[in-house]
């Protein structure tokens, strides 16, 4: 559809090119915007009103697991996200589903098959590999954060990167006192008393450390 835009966030230029071909096949006439990191993806979203679809590499240099996807969702919750990775671990697929991704696809898929998945997602449907069992720990972690405000959510995501309060305050353009206030509220809402416990509580949502 002419005038529509698709965002591809992947740190490998050749992979971005391949994903671009599939994206254009799925949505002829679309403008494809490439980004090599979550930071670049955030900047691209700030410069455009809306993306019809986001293709997101699971492993990026500036994001731990699904923290990057959560960041993009925070900016535009309505934009469908398809996670693209070389990993086939069931818990990664289940986590993506629990966090509201629209699809999960593998990098070694044929171009035509990948384009078909994108067409399905663009039509408002979802796509996840079959045979993935529900993970109660992921569902529980998701339930714990559902009542966080947008600001509290942002602080928790920054905390997941291991950043100190001063760095979080700088990155979010708020004061350290505000960071502390948000963390106090986050700890109360998710039922923990310190930073380490908070990270453990949301760890199932971040996925695993690994190459993608």
N, C-alpha and C. Protein backbone atom coordinates (compact mmCIF):
# COMPACT_ATOMS: atom_id res chain seq x y z
N UNK A 1 0.85 -1.20 0.00
CA UNK A 1 0.00 0.00 0.00
C UNK A 1 0.88 1.25 0.00
N UNK A 2 0.69 2.09 -0.97
CA UNK A 2 1.50 3.30 -1.09
C UNK A 2 1.30 4.19 0.12
N UNK A 3 2.40 4.74 0.62
CA UNK A 3 2.34 5.63 1.77
C UNK A 3 2.52 4.93 3.10
N UNK A 4 2.45 3.59 3.11
CA UNK A 4 2.65 2.85 4.34
C UNK A 4 4.14 2.68 4.60
N UNK A 5 4.49 2.55 5.88
CA UNK A 5 5.90 2.41 6.25
C UNK A 5 6.10 1.18 7.12
N UNK A 6 7.25 0.54 6.93
CA UNK A 6 7.64 -0.63 7.72
C UNK A 6 9.01 -0.35 8.31
N UNK A 7 9.15 -0.61 9.60
CA UNK A 7 10.42 -0.41 10.29
C UNK A 7 11.11 -1.75 10.50
N UNK A 8 12.38 -1.83 10.12
CA UNK A 8 13.18 -3.04 10.34
C UNK A 8 14.33 -2.68 11.27
N UNK A 9 14.39 -3.33 12.42
CA UNK A 9 15.44 -3.07 13.41
C UNK A 9 16.31 -4.31 13.51
N UNK A 10 17.49 -4.23 12.91
CA UNK A 10 18.44 -5.36 12.90
C UNK A 10 19.84 -4.78 12.70
N UNK A 11 20.82 -5.30 13.44
CA UNK A 11 22.15 -4.70 13.38
C UNK A 11 23.02 -5.27 12.27
N UNK A 12 22.48 -6.17 11.45
CA UNK A 12 23.25 -6.73 10.33
C UNK A 12 22.69 -6.18 9.01
N UNK A 13 23.45 -5.38 8.28
CA UNK A 13 22.95 -4.77 7.04
C UNK A 13 22.42 -5.77 6.02
N UNK A 14 23.07 -6.91 5.86
CA UNK A 14 22.61 -7.90 4.89
C UNK A 14 21.28 -8.51 5.31
N UNK A 15 21.12 -8.72 6.61
CA UNK A 15 19.84 -9.24 7.10
C UNK A 15 18.74 -8.22 6.88
N UNK A 16 19.04 -6.95 7.16
CA UNK A 16 18.05 -5.89 6.93
C UNK A 16 17.62 -5.86 5.47
N UNK A 17 18.57 -6.07 4.57
CA UNK A 17 18.24 -6.06 3.14
C UNK A 17 17.32 -7.21 2.78
N UNK A 18 17.62 -8.39 3.33
CA UNK A 18 16.75 -9.54 3.07
C UNK A 18 15.35 -9.34 3.62
N UNK A 19 15.27 -8.82 4.84
CA UNK A 19 13.97 -8.54 5.44
C UNK A 19 13.22 -7.47 4.66
N UNK A 20 13.96 -6.52 4.10
CA UNK A 20 13.34 -5.47 3.29
C UNK A 20 12.67 -6.06 2.05
N UNK A 21 13.32 -7.02 1.42
CA UNK A 21 12.74 -7.67 0.24
C UNK A 21 11.43 -8.36 0.59
N UNK A 22 11.42 -9.06 1.74
CA UNK A 22 10.19 -9.73 2.18
C UNK A 22 9.11 -8.72 2.52
N UNK A 23 9.51 -7.62 3.16
CA UNK A 23 8.54 -6.60 3.55
C UNK A 23 7.89 -5.96 2.32
N UNK A 24 8.71 -5.67 1.31
CA UNK A 24 8.17 -5.05 0.09
C UNK A 24 7.29 -6.03 -0.69
N UNK A 25 7.61 -7.33 -0.60
CA UNK A 25 6.78 -8.33 -1.25
C UNK A 25 5.43 -8.44 -0.56
N UNK A 26 5.44 -8.29 0.78
CA UNK A 26 4.20 -8.39 1.55
C UNK A 26 3.34 -7.15 1.42
N UNK A 27 3.99 -6.00 1.28
CA UNK A 27 3.26 -4.73 1.21
C UNK A 27 3.86 -3.88 0.09
N UNK A 28 3.48 -4.15 -1.15
CA UNK A 28 4.03 -3.41 -2.29
C UNK A 28 3.82 -1.91 -2.15
N UNK A 29 4.88 -1.17 -2.45
CA UNK A 29 4.80 0.28 -2.38
C UNK A 29 5.13 0.86 -1.02
N UNK A 30 5.36 -0.02 -0.05
CA UNK A 30 5.66 0.47 1.30
C UNK A 30 7.05 1.10 1.36
N UNK A 31 7.19 2.08 2.22
CA UNK A 31 8.49 2.68 2.51
C UNK A 31 9.12 1.87 3.64
N UNK A 32 10.31 1.32 3.41
CA UNK A 32 10.98 0.52 4.41
C UNK A 32 12.09 1.34 5.06
N UNK A 33 12.04 1.46 6.37
CA UNK A 33 13.03 2.22 7.13
C UNK A 33 13.88 1.24 7.93
N UNK A 34 15.19 1.33 7.80
CA UNK A 34 16.09 0.43 8.51
C UNK A 34 16.73 1.10 9.71
N UNK A 35 16.94 0.31 10.76
CA UNK A 35 17.62 0.79 11.97
C UNK A 35 18.52 -0.32 12.48
N UNK A 36 19.71 0.07 12.99
CA UNK A 36 20.66 -0.92 13.45
C UNK A 36 20.65 -1.15 14.94
N UNK A 37 19.76 -0.47 15.67
CA UNK A 37 19.71 -0.60 17.12
C UNK A 37 18.34 -0.12 17.60
N UNK A 38 18.05 -0.41 18.87
CA UNK A 38 16.80 0.08 19.45
C UNK A 38 16.80 1.60 19.46
N UNK A 39 17.94 2.22 19.79
CA UNK A 39 18.01 3.68 19.81
C UNK A 39 17.66 4.27 18.45
N UNK A 40 18.18 3.67 17.38
CA UNK A 40 17.85 4.15 16.04
C UNK A 40 16.39 3.89 15.71
N UNK A 41 15.86 2.77 16.19
CA UNK A 41 14.45 2.47 15.97
C UNK A 41 13.55 3.48 16.68
N UNK A 42 13.91 3.84 17.90
CA UNK A 42 13.16 4.84 18.66
C UNK A 42 13.18 6.18 17.93
N UNK A 43 14.35 6.55 17.40
CA UNK A 43 14.46 7.81 16.66
C UNK A 43 13.60 7.79 15.41
N UNK A 44 13.58 6.64 14.72
CA UNK A 44 12.76 6.51 13.51
C UNK A 44 11.28 6.64 13.84
N UNK A 45 10.87 6.07 14.97
CA UNK A 45 9.46 6.16 15.37
C UNK A 45 9.10 7.58 15.77
N UNK A 46 10.07 8.32 16.30
CA UNK A 46 9.81 9.71 16.67
C UNK A 46 9.65 10.60 15.45
N UNK A 47 10.26 10.18 14.33
CA UNK A 47 10.23 10.99 13.11
C UNK A 47 9.04 10.69 12.21
N UNK A 48 8.31 9.61 12.50
CA UNK A 48 7.17 9.23 11.67
C UNK A 48 5.93 9.08 12.53
N UNK A 49 4.79 9.33 11.95
CA UNK A 49 3.55 9.24 12.71
C UNK A 49 3.24 7.80 13.10
N UNK A 50 3.42 6.85 12.17
CA UNK A 50 3.00 5.48 12.44
C UNK A 50 3.68 4.52 11.47
N UNK A 51 4.06 3.36 11.98
CA UNK A 51 4.55 2.27 11.14
C UNK A 51 3.48 1.19 11.08
N UNK A 52 3.22 0.69 9.87
CA UNK A 52 2.24 -0.39 9.72
C UNK A 52 2.74 -1.68 10.35
N UNK A 53 4.08 -1.84 10.39
CA UNK A 53 4.66 -3.10 10.86
C UNK A 53 6.09 -2.85 11.30
N UNK A 54 6.52 -3.57 12.35
CA UNK A 54 7.91 -3.50 12.81
C UNK A 54 8.49 -4.90 12.82
N UNK A 55 9.64 -5.07 12.16
CA UNK A 55 10.38 -6.34 12.20
C UNK A 55 11.56 -6.12 13.13
N UNK A 56 11.66 -6.94 14.16
CA UNK A 56 12.62 -6.69 15.22
C UNK A 56 13.52 -7.89 15.49
N UNK A 57 14.82 -7.68 15.35
CA UNK A 57 15.80 -8.71 15.71
C UNK A 57 15.76 -8.90 17.22
N UNK A 58 15.80 -10.14 17.67
CA UNK A 58 15.75 -10.40 19.11
C UNK A 58 17.00 -9.90 19.83
N UNK A 59 18.16 -10.09 19.22
CA UNK A 59 19.42 -9.75 19.88
C UNK A 59 20.01 -8.50 19.23
N UNK A 60 20.05 -7.41 20.00
CA UNK A 60 20.58 -6.15 19.50
C UNK A 60 21.63 -5.62 20.47
N UNK A 61 22.57 -4.79 19.99
CA UNK A 61 23.67 -4.35 20.85
C UNK A 61 23.23 -3.48 22.03
N UNK A 62 22.08 -2.83 21.93
CA UNK A 62 21.67 -1.94 23.01
C UNK A 62 20.39 -2.40 23.72
N UNK A 63 20.11 -3.70 23.65
CA UNK A 63 18.91 -4.21 24.31
C UNK A 63 19.17 -5.61 24.85
N UNK A 64 18.68 -5.87 26.05
CA UNK A 64 18.79 -7.18 26.65
C UNK A 64 17.48 -7.93 26.44
N UNK A 65 17.53 -9.01 25.67
CA UNK A 65 16.32 -9.79 25.43
C UNK A 65 15.19 -8.95 24.88
N UNK A 66 14.02 -9.08 25.50
CA UNK A 66 12.84 -8.39 25.00
C UNK A 66 12.68 -6.97 25.54
N UNK A 67 13.67 -6.46 26.25
CA UNK A 67 13.59 -5.09 26.74
C UNK A 67 13.45 -4.11 25.57
N UNK A 68 14.09 -4.42 24.44
CA UNK A 68 13.98 -3.56 23.27
C UNK A 68 12.58 -3.53 22.70
N UNK A 69 11.95 -4.70 22.62
CA UNK A 69 10.58 -4.75 22.13
C UNK A 69 9.63 -3.99 23.06
N UNK A 70 9.84 -4.14 24.35
CA UNK A 70 9.00 -3.43 25.31
C UNK A 70 9.15 -1.92 25.14
N UNK A 71 10.37 -1.48 24.81
CA UNK A 71 10.61 -0.04 24.60
C UNK A 71 9.84 0.47 23.39
N UNK A 72 9.87 -0.29 22.30
CA UNK A 72 9.15 0.12 21.09
C UNK A 72 7.64 0.09 21.33
N UNK A 73 7.17 -0.91 22.06
CA UNK A 73 5.74 -0.98 22.38
C UNK A 73 5.30 0.21 23.21
N UNK A 74 6.20 0.68 24.06
CA UNK A 74 5.87 1.82 24.90
C UNK A 74 5.61 3.06 24.06
N UNK A 75 6.33 3.18 22.94
CA UNK A 75 6.17 4.34 22.05
C UNK A 75 4.89 4.23 21.24
N UNK A 76 4.63 3.05 20.67
CA UNK A 76 3.42 2.85 19.86
C UNK A 76 2.86 1.46 20.14
N UNK A 77 1.98 1.33 21.11
CA UNK A 77 1.42 0.01 21.45
C UNK A 77 0.64 -0.64 20.32
N UNK A 78 0.17 0.16 19.36
CA UNK A 78 -0.67 -0.38 18.29
C UNK A 78 0.14 -0.96 17.13
N UNK A 79 1.41 -0.64 17.03
CA UNK A 79 2.22 -1.11 15.91
C UNK A 79 2.53 -2.60 16.07
N UNK A 80 2.12 -3.46 15.15
CA UNK A 80 2.40 -4.89 15.28
C UNK A 80 3.90 -5.16 15.11
N UNK A 81 4.44 -6.01 15.98
CA UNK A 81 5.86 -6.34 15.96
C UNK A 81 6.04 -7.83 15.67
N UNK A 82 6.88 -8.13 14.69
CA UNK A 82 7.27 -9.51 14.40
C UNK A 82 8.71 -9.68 14.84
N UNK A 83 8.94 -10.58 15.78
CA UNK A 83 10.30 -10.86 16.26
C UNK A 83 10.98 -11.81 15.28
N UNK A 84 12.19 -11.46 14.88
CA UNK A 84 12.93 -12.26 13.91
C UNK A 84 14.24 -12.70 14.56
N UNK A 85 14.53 -13.99 14.54
CA UNK A 85 15.71 -14.50 15.24
C UNK A 85 16.18 -15.82 14.65
N UNK A 86 17.40 -16.20 15.01
CA UNK A 86 17.93 -17.51 14.63
C UNK A 86 17.63 -18.55 15.70
N UNK A 87 17.15 -18.09 16.87
CA UNK A 87 16.88 -18.99 17.99
C UNK A 87 15.50 -19.63 17.86
N UNK A 88 15.39 -20.86 18.26
CA UNK A 88 14.12 -21.57 18.19
C UNK A 88 13.67 -22.09 19.55
N UNK A 89 14.22 -21.53 20.64
CA UNK A 89 13.85 -21.99 21.97
C UNK A 89 12.38 -21.66 22.26
N UNK A 90 11.62 -22.65 22.73
CA UNK A 90 10.18 -22.44 22.98
C UNK A 90 9.90 -21.29 23.94
N UNK A 91 10.76 -21.08 24.97
CA UNK A 91 10.47 -20.03 25.94
C UNK A 91 10.58 -18.64 25.31
N UNK A 92 11.41 -18.49 24.29
CA UNK A 92 11.50 -17.20 23.60
C UNK A 92 10.22 -16.91 22.82
N UNK A 93 9.69 -17.94 22.20
CA UNK A 93 8.45 -17.80 21.43
C UNK A 93 7.29 -17.47 22.37
N UNK A 94 7.23 -18.20 23.49
CA UNK A 94 6.14 -17.97 24.45
C UNK A 94 6.24 -16.58 25.06
N UNK A 95 7.46 -16.12 25.33
CA UNK A 95 7.63 -14.79 25.90
C UNK A 95 7.17 -13.72 24.91
N UNK A 96 7.53 -13.88 23.64
CA UNK A 96 7.10 -12.91 22.62
C UNK A 96 5.58 -12.85 22.55
N UNK A 97 4.94 -14.00 22.61
CA UNK A 97 3.48 -14.06 22.57
C UNK A 97 2.88 -13.38 23.79
N UNK A 98 3.44 -13.68 24.97
CA UNK A 98 2.92 -13.12 26.21
C UNK A 98 3.08 -11.61 26.27
N UNK A 99 4.12 -11.10 25.63
CA UNK A 99 4.39 -9.66 25.66
C UNK A 99 3.63 -8.89 24.58
N UNK A 100 2.86 -9.61 23.75
CA UNK A 100 2.03 -8.92 22.79
C UNK A 100 2.61 -8.77 21.40
N UNK A 101 3.66 -9.54 21.09
CA UNK A 101 4.18 -9.51 19.71
C UNK A 101 3.12 -10.07 18.77
N UNK A 102 3.16 -9.63 17.53
CA UNK A 102 2.19 -10.12 16.55
C UNK A 102 2.67 -11.39 15.86
N UNK A 103 3.98 -11.65 15.94
CA UNK A 103 4.50 -12.83 15.28
C UNK A 103 5.92 -13.14 15.69
N UNK A 104 6.36 -14.33 15.31
CA UNK A 104 7.71 -14.80 15.61
C UNK A 104 8.17 -15.60 14.41
N UNK A 105 9.31 -15.23 13.84
CA UNK A 105 9.79 -15.88 12.63
C UNK A 105 11.30 -16.12 12.71
N UNK A 106 11.76 -17.08 11.93
CA UNK A 106 13.17 -17.45 11.96
C UNK A 106 13.91 -16.88 10.75
N UNK A 107 15.15 -16.51 10.96
CA UNK A 107 15.94 -15.86 9.90
C UNK A 107 16.26 -16.77 8.73
N UNK A 108 16.21 -18.09 8.96
CA UNK A 108 16.57 -19.01 7.88
C UNK A 108 15.37 -19.41 7.03
N UNK A 109 14.24 -18.76 7.22
CA UNK A 109 13.05 -19.09 6.43
C UNK A 109 13.21 -18.60 4.99
N UNK A 110 12.62 -19.32 4.02
CA UNK A 110 12.61 -18.83 2.64
C UNK A 110 11.89 -17.49 2.55
N UNK A 111 12.31 -16.67 1.61
CA UNK A 111 11.74 -15.33 1.46
C UNK A 111 10.23 -15.37 1.28
N UNK A 112 9.73 -16.27 0.42
CA UNK A 112 8.29 -16.34 0.16
C UNK A 112 7.51 -16.69 1.42
N UNK A 113 8.05 -17.64 2.21
CA UNK A 113 7.37 -18.04 3.44
C UNK A 113 7.34 -16.89 4.44
N UNK A 114 8.43 -16.15 4.51
CA UNK A 114 8.49 -15.01 5.42
C UNK A 114 7.52 -13.93 4.98
N UNK A 115 7.45 -13.67 3.69
CA UNK A 115 6.51 -12.66 3.18
C UNK A 115 5.07 -13.06 3.49
N UNK A 116 4.76 -14.36 3.41
CA UNK A 116 3.41 -14.83 3.74
C UNK A 116 3.07 -14.54 5.20
N UNK A 117 4.05 -14.71 6.09
CA UNK A 117 3.83 -14.41 7.51
C UNK A 117 3.52 -12.93 7.69
N UNK A 118 4.27 -12.08 6.99
CA UNK A 118 4.05 -10.64 7.11
C UNK A 118 2.67 -10.25 6.58
N UNK A 119 2.24 -10.88 5.49
CA UNK A 119 0.89 -10.60 4.97
C UNK A 119 -0.17 -10.96 6.00
N UNK A 120 0.05 -12.06 6.68
CA UNK A 120 -0.90 -12.50 7.70
C UNK A 120 -0.98 -11.47 8.84
N UNK A 121 0.17 -11.01 9.27
CA UNK A 121 0.20 -10.02 10.36
C UNK A 121 -0.41 -8.70 9.90
N UNK A 122 -0.10 -8.28 8.69
CA UNK A 122 -0.67 -7.04 8.16
C UNK A 122 -2.19 -7.12 8.04
N UNK A 123 -2.71 -8.34 7.92
CA UNK A 123 -4.15 -8.54 7.82
C UNK A 123 -4.81 -8.60 9.21
N UNK A 124 -3.99 -8.37 10.25
CA UNK A 124 -4.54 -8.34 11.59
C UNK A 124 -4.49 -9.65 12.34
N UNK A 125 -3.81 -10.64 11.77
CA UNK A 125 -3.69 -11.94 12.41
C UNK A 125 -2.32 -12.06 13.07
N UNK A 126 -2.07 -13.19 13.69
CA UNK A 126 -0.77 -13.41 14.33
C UNK A 126 -0.14 -14.68 13.78
N UNK A 127 1.17 -14.82 14.01
CA UNK A 127 1.86 -16.02 13.58
C UNK A 127 2.92 -16.42 14.60
N UNK A 128 2.75 -17.62 15.16
CA UNK A 128 3.74 -18.19 16.06
C UNK A 128 3.90 -19.67 15.71
N UNK A 129 5.14 -20.18 15.77
CA UNK A 129 5.35 -21.60 15.49
C UNK A 129 4.46 -22.47 16.37
N UNK A 130 3.95 -23.54 15.79
CA UNK A 130 3.02 -24.41 16.51
C UNK A 130 3.75 -25.24 17.56
N UNK A 131 2.97 -25.75 18.51
CA UNK A 131 3.51 -26.69 19.49
C UNK A 131 4.25 -26.06 20.65
N UNK A 132 4.04 -24.76 20.90
CA UNK A 132 4.71 -24.10 22.01
C UNK A 132 3.78 -24.08 23.22
N UNK A 133 4.20 -24.71 24.29
CA UNK A 133 3.38 -24.79 25.49
C UNK A 133 3.41 -23.48 26.28
N UNK A 134 2.36 -23.21 27.02
CA UNK A 134 2.31 -22.01 27.85
C UNK A 134 3.34 -22.09 28.96
N UNK A 135 3.90 -20.96 29.32
CA UNK A 135 4.89 -20.87 30.39
C UNK A 135 4.29 -20.02 31.51
N UNK A 136 3.99 -20.64 32.65
CA UNK A 136 3.33 -19.94 33.74
C UNK A 136 4.20 -18.83 34.32
N UNK A 137 5.51 -18.99 34.30
CA UNK A 137 6.40 -17.96 34.86
C UNK A 137 6.32 -16.69 34.02
N UNK A 138 6.20 -16.84 32.71
CA UNK A 138 6.09 -15.68 31.83
C UNK A 138 4.76 -14.97 32.05
N UNK A 139 3.69 -15.74 32.15
CA UNK A 139 2.37 -15.15 32.38
C UNK A 139 2.34 -14.41 33.72
N UNK A 140 2.98 -14.99 34.72
CA UNK A 140 3.00 -14.36 36.05
C UNK A 140 3.79 -13.07 36.02
N UNK A 141 4.93 -13.07 35.32
CA UNK A 141 5.74 -11.86 35.23
C UNK A 141 5.00 -10.76 34.49
N UNK A 142 4.30 -11.12 33.43
CA UNK A 142 3.52 -10.14 32.67
C UNK A 142 2.42 -9.54 33.55
N UNK A 143 1.77 -10.37 34.34
CA UNK A 143 0.70 -9.89 35.22
C UNK A 143 1.24 -8.91 36.26
N UNK A 144 2.49 -9.13 36.67
CA UNK A 144 3.07 -8.27 37.70
C UNK A 144 3.28 -6.84 37.21
N UNK A 145 3.55 -6.66 35.95
CA UNK A 145 3.86 -5.32 35.45
C UNK A 145 2.68 -4.62 34.79
N UNK A 146 1.54 -5.29 34.70
CA UNK A 146 0.42 -4.72 33.93
C UNK A 146 -0.14 -3.43 34.51
N UNK A 147 0.05 -3.21 35.82
CA UNK A 147 -0.51 -2.01 36.45
C UNK A 147 0.48 -0.85 36.54
N UNK A 148 1.67 -1.02 35.97
CA UNK A 148 2.65 0.07 36.00
C UNK A 148 2.24 1.19 35.06
N UNK A 149 2.50 2.42 35.47
CA UNK A 149 2.27 3.56 34.58
C UNK A 149 3.34 3.56 33.49
N UNK A 150 3.13 4.38 32.47
CA UNK A 150 4.11 4.46 31.39
C UNK A 150 5.47 4.89 31.92
N UNK A 151 5.47 5.86 32.83
CA UNK A 151 6.73 6.35 33.40
C UNK A 151 7.41 5.27 34.24
N UNK A 152 6.63 4.57 35.04
CA UNK A 152 7.19 3.49 35.86
C UNK A 152 7.73 2.36 34.99
N UNK A 153 7.01 2.08 33.92
CA UNK A 153 7.43 1.05 32.97
C UNK A 153 8.78 1.41 32.36
N UNK A 154 8.92 2.68 31.99
CA UNK A 154 10.17 3.14 31.39
C UNK A 154 11.35 3.01 32.34
N UNK A 155 11.13 3.33 33.61
CA UNK A 155 12.19 3.21 34.61
C UNK A 155 12.57 1.75 34.82
N UNK A 156 11.57 0.87 34.85
CA UNK A 156 11.85 -0.56 35.02
C UNK A 156 12.66 -1.11 33.85
N UNK A 157 12.33 -0.67 32.64
CA UNK A 157 13.09 -1.12 31.47
C UNK A 157 14.54 -0.63 31.55
N UNK A 158 14.72 0.61 31.97
CA UNK A 158 16.07 1.14 32.12
C UNK A 158 16.83 0.36 33.19
N UNK A 159 16.14 0.00 34.25
CA UNK A 159 16.74 -0.78 35.32
C UNK A 159 17.19 -2.15 34.81
N UNK A 160 16.44 -2.71 33.86
CA UNK A 160 16.79 -4.04 33.33
C UNK A 160 18.12 -4.04 32.60
N UNK A 161 18.57 -2.85 32.19
CA UNK A 161 19.88 -2.73 31.54
C UNK A 161 21.01 -2.62 32.56
N UNK A 162 20.67 -2.60 33.84
CA UNK A 162 21.69 -2.49 34.87
C UNK A 162 22.16 -1.08 35.14
N UNK A 163 21.40 -0.08 34.65
CA UNK A 163 21.81 1.31 34.81
C UNK A 163 21.56 1.82 36.23
N UNK A 164 22.46 2.68 36.69
CA UNK A 164 22.30 3.34 37.98
C UNK A 164 21.25 4.44 37.86
N UNK A 165 20.76 4.91 39.00
CA UNK A 165 19.71 5.95 38.99
C UNK A 165 20.13 7.20 38.21
N UNK A 166 21.40 7.59 38.34
CA UNK A 166 21.87 8.79 37.65
C UNK A 166 21.77 8.62 36.14
N UNK A 167 22.16 7.46 35.65
CA UNK A 167 22.09 7.20 34.21
C UNK A 167 20.63 7.11 33.75
N UNK A 168 19.79 6.48 34.55
CA UNK A 168 18.38 6.38 34.20
C UNK A 168 17.76 7.78 34.12
N UNK A 169 18.10 8.62 35.09
CA UNK A 169 17.58 9.99 35.10
C UNK A 169 18.01 10.75 33.85
N UNK A 170 19.27 10.59 33.46
CA UNK A 170 19.79 11.27 32.27
C UNK A 170 19.09 10.77 31.01
N UNK A 171 18.98 9.44 30.88
CA UNK A 171 18.39 8.86 29.67
C UNK A 171 16.91 9.23 29.52
N UNK A 172 16.20 9.34 30.63
CA UNK A 172 14.76 9.62 30.58
C UNK A 172 14.43 11.09 30.78
N UNK A 173 15.48 11.91 30.95
CA UNK A 173 15.30 13.37 31.13
C UNK A 173 14.42 13.68 32.33
N UNK A 174 14.70 13.00 33.44
CA UNK A 174 14.00 13.27 34.69
C UNK A 174 15.05 13.40 35.80
N UNK A 175 14.63 13.77 37.00
CA UNK A 175 15.57 13.91 38.09
C UNK A 175 15.80 12.57 38.78
N UNK A 176 16.91 12.47 39.52
CA UNK A 176 17.17 11.25 40.27
C UNK A 176 16.10 11.03 41.34
N UNK A 177 15.59 12.10 41.90
CA UNK A 177 14.52 11.98 42.90
C UNK A 177 13.27 11.35 42.28
N UNK A 178 12.99 11.72 41.02
CA UNK A 178 11.84 11.15 40.33
C UNK A 178 12.07 9.67 40.04
N UNK A 179 13.30 9.32 39.66
CA UNK A 179 13.64 7.92 39.43
C UNK A 179 13.40 7.11 40.70
N UNK A 180 13.87 7.62 41.83
CA UNK A 180 13.70 6.93 43.11
C UNK A 180 12.22 6.76 43.45
N UNK A 181 11.44 7.80 43.17
CA UNK A 181 10.00 7.73 43.45
C UNK A 181 9.32 6.67 42.58
N UNK A 182 9.70 6.65 41.30
CA UNK A 182 9.13 5.64 40.40
C UNK A 182 9.54 4.23 40.83
N UNK A 183 10.80 4.05 41.22
CA UNK A 183 11.26 2.73 41.64
C UNK A 183 10.52 2.26 42.89
N UNK A 184 10.28 3.18 43.81
CA UNK A 184 9.52 2.83 45.01
C UNK A 184 8.13 2.33 44.64
N UNK A 185 7.49 3.02 43.69
CA UNK A 185 6.16 2.61 43.24
C UNK A 185 6.22 1.27 42.50
N UNK A 186 7.25 1.09 41.68
CA UNK A 186 7.41 -0.16 40.94
C UNK A 186 7.58 -1.33 41.91
N UNK A 187 8.46 -1.16 42.89
CA UNK A 187 8.70 -2.23 43.86
C UNK A 187 7.40 -2.62 44.57
N UNK A 188 6.62 -1.61 44.95
CA UNK A 188 5.36 -1.87 45.65
C UNK A 188 4.38 -2.64 44.74
N UNK A 189 4.26 -2.20 43.50
CA UNK A 189 3.27 -2.80 42.60
C UNK A 189 3.62 -4.23 42.20
N UNK A 190 4.91 -4.53 42.06
CA UNK A 190 5.27 -5.89 41.63
C UNK A 190 5.64 -6.78 42.81
N UNK A 191 5.54 -6.21 44.02
CA UNK A 191 5.71 -7.02 45.21
C UNK A 191 7.13 -7.39 45.57
N UNK A 192 8.07 -6.45 45.39
CA UNK A 192 9.47 -6.69 45.75
C UNK A 192 9.96 -5.53 46.62
N UNK A 193 11.18 -5.68 47.14
CA UNK A 193 11.70 -4.63 48.03
C UNK A 193 13.01 -4.00 47.54
N UNK A 194 13.61 -4.53 46.48
CA UNK A 194 14.86 -3.94 46.01
C UNK A 194 15.06 -4.20 44.52
N UNK A 195 16.14 -3.63 43.97
CA UNK A 195 16.42 -3.70 42.54
C UNK A 195 16.65 -5.14 42.08
N UNK A 196 17.41 -5.89 42.86
CA UNK A 196 17.72 -7.27 42.47
C UNK A 196 16.45 -8.11 42.37
N UNK A 197 15.56 -7.95 43.33
CA UNK A 197 14.32 -8.69 43.29
C UNK A 197 13.44 -8.27 42.11
N UNK A 198 13.47 -6.98 41.80
CA UNK A 198 12.70 -6.49 40.66
C UNK A 198 13.18 -7.11 39.36
N UNK A 199 14.50 -7.20 39.20
CA UNK A 199 15.05 -7.80 37.99
C UNK A 199 14.70 -9.28 37.89
N UNK A 200 14.74 -9.97 39.02
CA UNK A 200 14.36 -11.39 39.03
C UNK A 200 12.89 -11.56 38.67
N UNK A 201 12.07 -10.62 39.12
CA UNK A 201 10.63 -10.71 38.87
C UNK A 201 10.29 -10.60 37.39
N UNK A 202 11.05 -9.77 36.67
CA UNK A 202 10.75 -9.56 35.24
C UNK A 202 11.68 -10.35 34.32
N UNK A 203 12.61 -11.09 34.90
CA UNK A 203 13.57 -11.82 34.08
C UNK A 203 12.93 -12.72 33.03
N UNK A 204 11.83 -13.43 33.34
CA UNK A 204 11.21 -14.29 32.31
C UNK A 204 10.77 -13.52 31.07
N UNK A 205 10.53 -12.21 31.22
CA UNK A 205 10.06 -11.41 30.08
C UNK A 205 11.21 -10.93 29.20
N UNK A 206 12.42 -11.03 29.69
CA UNK A 206 13.56 -10.49 28.95
C UNK A 206 14.15 -11.50 27.97
N UNK A 207 13.80 -12.76 28.11
CA UNK A 207 14.37 -13.77 27.24
C UNK A 207 15.73 -14.19 27.72
N UNK A 208 16.49 -14.87 26.85
CA UNK A 208 17.79 -15.42 27.25
C UNK A 208 18.91 -14.65 26.59
N UNK A 209 20.09 -14.73 27.20
CA UNK A 209 21.29 -14.14 26.59
C UNK A 209 21.77 -15.10 25.51
N UNK A 210 21.96 -14.57 24.33
CA UNK A 210 22.44 -15.44 23.27
C UNK A 210 22.55 -14.68 21.97
N UNK A 211 23.18 -15.27 21.01
CA UNK A 211 23.31 -14.61 19.70
C UNK A 211 22.06 -14.88 18.88
N UNK A 212 21.70 -13.91 18.08
CA UNK A 212 20.55 -14.08 17.22
C UNK A 212 20.85 -13.57 15.83
